[in-house]
Amino acid sequence: MTPVAHMFTHLLPALAMFQEGDMTPVAPQFFFYLLSGVAVVSALAVITRKNPVHSAISLIFTLLSLAGLYLMLYAPFVAGVQIILYAGGIMVLFLFVIMLVNLERNLKEEQFNRQWHVAVAVALILCGLVLYVYSKAHSVFPALMTGVLPPESSNTQQMGIWLYQNYVLPFELASLLLLVAIVGAVVMAKKRV
């Protein structure tokens, strides 16, 4: 038996289980640790690579692995926004900025300056803050700790209702701010040419 046929014989019971309506995920811990590992390793590559293009590609891997984690949390809308908006749109803007910057001069400069003491102190403060919020989460957010989640089918609909009914003004202000930033980037790029 070939390795591919052997693999499909192990996948057939899982496929039959999904067709019967039992939606228990197959190996959720494996995929969680795989996606988390990819996210952590690629995030470390973002801050350690000297070439900005390599950092941008590592950031794309980080964003895609986070989208996979959102899918594991049954949040398809957030995963779609993560892929389309961040991994697609924002990374294109990052790559345009990288193309406008003089890379030869930046590669010759010292990458890591002497401010790492401040960075370690801020990281420790943020870790302490996260631990404090985690320890107080049951008293601050009691409704979220009950385990009652809305059905997956209404996730996107609820997001749209909240976004376009309750937060129309901030949504439009954010779009106007992005438009001004794009026009400013084009004007600055035209001055250099």
Protein backbone atom coordinates (compact mmCIF):
# COMPACT_ATOMS: atom_id res chain seq x y z
CA MET A 1 0.00 0.00 0.00
CA THR A 2 1.39 3.41 -0.96
CA PRO A 3 1.88 6.09 1.72
CA VAL A 4 -0.85 8.25 0.18
CA ALA A 5 -3.36 5.40 0.21
CA HIS A 6 -2.34 4.57 3.77
CA MET A 7 -2.98 8.21 4.76
CA PHE A 8 -6.44 8.20 3.16
CA THR A 9 -7.43 4.99 4.96
CA HIS A 10 -6.79 6.79 8.26
CA LEU A 11 -8.72 9.87 7.13
CA LEU A 12 -11.86 8.01 6.03
CA PRO A 13 -13.25 7.44 9.56
CA ALA A 14 -12.77 11.12 10.38
CA LEU A 15 -14.49 12.13 7.13
CA ALA A 16 -17.42 9.82 7.87
CA MET A 17 -17.69 11.33 11.35
CA PHE A 18 -17.96 14.83 9.85
CA GLN A 19 -20.59 13.69 7.35
CA GLU A 20 -22.75 12.21 10.11
CA GLY A 21 -22.96 15.62 11.80
CA ASP A 22 -20.53 15.14 14.67
CA MET A 23 -18.43 18.30 14.35
CA THR A 24 -15.73 17.46 16.85
CA PRO A 25 -12.44 18.69 15.41
CA VAL A 26 -9.72 16.20 14.57
CA ALA A 27 -6.48 16.71 16.55
CA PRO A 28 -7.24 20.24 17.80
CA GLN A 29 -4.23 20.28 20.11
CA PHE A 30 -1.87 19.35 17.30
CA PHE A 31 -3.11 22.18 15.06
CA PHE A 32 -3.17 24.63 17.96
CA TYR A 33 0.45 23.92 18.85
CA LEU A 34 1.48 23.89 15.19
CA LEU A 35 -0.14 27.25 14.44
CA SER A 36 1.10 28.72 17.72
CA GLY A 37 4.63 27.56 17.02
CA VAL A 38 4.55 29.02 13.52
CA ALA A 39 3.21 32.30 14.93
CA VAL A 40 5.91 32.56 17.61
CA VAL A 41 8.80 31.57 15.34
CA SER A 42 7.73 33.89 12.54
CA ALA A 43 7.10 36.73 15.02
CA LEU A 44 10.64 36.29 16.32
CA ALA A 45 11.88 36.32 12.73
CA VAL A 46 10.09 39.65 12.19
CA ILE A 47 12.19 41.37 14.84
CA THR A 48 15.49 39.56 14.23
CA ARG A 49 15.85 39.73 10.42
CA LYS A 50 18.04 42.51 9.07
CA ASN A 51 16.35 42.55 5.67
CA PRO A 52 12.97 44.34 5.88
CA VAL A 53 11.50 42.24 3.07
CA HIS A 54 12.24 39.06 5.03
CA SER A 55 10.64 40.65 8.09
CA ALA A 56 7.52 41.49 6.08
CA ILE A 57 7.26 37.92 4.79
CA SER A 58 7.65 36.61 8.34
CA LEU A 59 4.88 38.97 9.44
CA ILE A 60 2.62 37.51 6.74
CA PHE A 61 3.25 34.02 8.18
CA THR A 62 2.44 35.33 11.65
CA LEU A 63 -0.83 36.87 10.49
CA LEU A 64 -1.86 33.74 8.58
CA SER A 65 -1.18 31.49 11.56
CA LEU A 66 -3.25 33.81 13.75
CA ALA A 67 -6.07 33.53 11.23
CA GLY A 68 -5.85 29.77 11.59
CA LEU A 69 -6.11 30.12 15.36
CA TYR A 70 -9.21 32.31 14.91
CA LEU A 71 -10.74 29.59 12.77
CA MET A 72 -10.08 27.09 15.54
CA LEU A 73 -11.98 29.42 17.88
CA TYR A 74 -15.00 29.30 15.51
CA ALA A 75 -14.60 32.95 14.48
CA PRO A 76 -14.61 32.81 10.67
CA PHE A 77 -15.34 36.52 10.26
CA VAL A 78 -12.32 37.55 12.32
CA ALA A 79 -10.16 35.02 10.44
CA GLY A 80 -11.36 36.40 7.11
CA VAL A 81 -10.68 39.98 8.19
CA GLN A 82 -7.24 38.90 9.41
CA ILE A 83 -6.38 37.39 6.03
CA ILE A 84 -7.96 39.99 3.75
CA LEU A 85 -7.23 43.17 5.67
CA TYR A 86 -3.96 42.49 7.46
CA ALA A 87 -2.18 39.78 5.49
CA GLY A 88 -3.42 41.30 2.23
CA GLY A 89 -3.93 45.04 2.44
CA ILE A 90 -1.69 46.19 5.27
CA MET A 91 1.22 44.06 4.11
CA VAL A 92 0.99 45.57 0.62
CA LEU A 93 1.29 48.99 2.25
CA PHE A 94 4.30 47.77 4.26
CA LEU A 95 5.96 46.52 1.10
CA PHE A 96 5.34 49.88 -0.63
CA VAL A 97 7.01 51.64 2.29
CA ILE A 98 9.93 49.21 2.14
CA MET A 99 10.31 49.95 -1.57
CA LEU A 100 10.35 53.71 -0.91
CA VAL A 101 12.99 53.48 1.81
CA ASN A 102 16.66 53.38 0.86
CA LEU A 103 17.54 49.82 1.91
CA GLU A 104 21.29 50.05 1.27
CA ARG A 105 21.68 52.87 3.79
CA ASN A 106 19.46 51.14 6.37
CA LEU A 107 21.34 47.84 6.13
CA LYS A 108 24.62 49.63 6.96
CA GLU A 109 23.19 51.24 10.10
CA GLU A 110 23.36 49.56 13.48
CA GLN A 111 20.15 47.54 13.88
CA PHE A 112 20.03 47.06 17.64
CA ASN A 113 20.80 50.18 19.62
CA ARG A 114 21.41 50.49 23.35
CA GLN A 115 17.75 50.78 24.37
CA TRP A 116 17.23 47.08 25.03
CA HIS A 117 17.16 47.72 28.80
CA VAL A 118 14.07 49.87 28.37
CA ALA A 119 12.52 47.25 26.07
CA VAL A 120 13.03 44.49 28.65
CA ALA A 121 11.52 46.67 31.40
CA VAL A 122 8.46 47.50 29.27
CA ALA A 123 8.04 43.82 28.33
CA LEU A 124 8.14 42.80 32.00
CA ILE A 125 5.59 45.48 32.88
CA LEU A 126 3.29 44.28 30.10
CA CYS A 127 3.65 40.66 31.22
CA GLY A 128 2.76 41.70 34.76
CA LEU A 129 -0.26 43.59 33.46
CA VAL A 130 -1.44 40.57 31.47
CA LEU A 131 -1.07 38.31 34.51
CA TYR A 132 -2.96 40.81 36.67
CA VAL A 133 -5.83 41.05 34.19
CA TYR A 134 -5.89 37.26 33.84
CA SER A 135 -6.10 36.80 37.60
CA LYS A 136 -8.92 39.36 37.94
CA ALA A 137 -10.82 38.31 34.79
CA HIS A 138 -13.49 36.29 36.62
CA SER A 139 -14.61 39.28 38.65
CA VAL A 140 -14.29 41.83 35.83
CA PHE A 141 -15.91 39.77 33.07
CA PRO A 142 -18.33 37.37 34.81
CA ALA A 143 -20.67 37.04 31.82
CA LEU A 144 -17.85 35.88 29.54
CA MET A 145 -16.75 33.12 31.89
CA THR A 146 -20.04 31.22 31.83
CA GLY A 147 -19.16 29.39 28.63
CA VAL A 148 -22.34 30.39 26.77
CA LEU A 149 -21.29 31.42 23.29
CA PRO A 150 -23.46 32.67 20.45
CA PRO A 151 -23.93 30.27 17.55
CA GLU A 152 -21.33 30.40 14.83
CA SER A 153 -23.84 31.26 12.11
CA SER A 154 -24.71 34.61 13.66
CA ASN A 155 -21.12 35.73 14.25
CA THR A 156 -20.76 37.73 11.03
CA GLN A 157 -24.29 39.11 11.22
CA GLN A 158 -23.78 40.34 14.78
CA MET A 159 -20.47 41.96 13.84
CA GLY A 160 -22.11 43.77 10.94
CA ILE A 161 -25.01 44.99 13.07
CA TRP A 162 -22.69 46.29 15.78
CA LEU A 163 -20.34 47.89 13.27
CA TYR A 164 -22.90 49.65 11.10
CA GLN A 165 -25.54 50.50 13.71
CA ASN A 166 -23.66 51.33 16.87
CA TYR A 167 -20.23 52.34 15.55
CA VAL A 168 -20.89 54.08 12.24
CA LEU A 169 -19.07 57.30 13.15
CA PRO A 170 -15.82 55.64 14.36
CA PHE A 171 -15.89 53.33 11.34
CA GLU A 172 -16.20 56.27 8.94
CA LEU A 173 -13.55 58.28 10.81
CA ALA A 174 -11.13 55.34 10.56
CA SER A 175 -11.77 55.07 6.81
CA LEU A 176 -11.22 58.83 6.41
CA LEU A 177 -7.99 58.60 8.40
CA LEU A 178 -6.75 55.77 6.15
CA LEU A 179 -7.67 57.79 3.06
CA VAL A 180 -5.68 60.79 4.34
CA ALA A 181 -2.71 58.52 5.10
CA ILE A 182 -2.80 57.05 1.59
CA VAL A 183 -3.00 60.50 -0.04
CA GLY A 184 -0.13 61.70 2.18
CA ALA A 185 2.02 58.70 1.21
CA VAL A 186 1.38 59.36 -2.49
CA VAL A 187 2.27 63.05 -2.10
CA MET A 188 5.47 62.21 -0.23
CA ALA A 189 6.43 59.61 -2.81
CA LYS A 190 5.84 62.04 -5.68
CA LYS A 191 8.13 64.65 -4.05
CA ARG A 192 11.01 62.19 -4.04
CA VAL A 193 10.61 61.24 -7.71
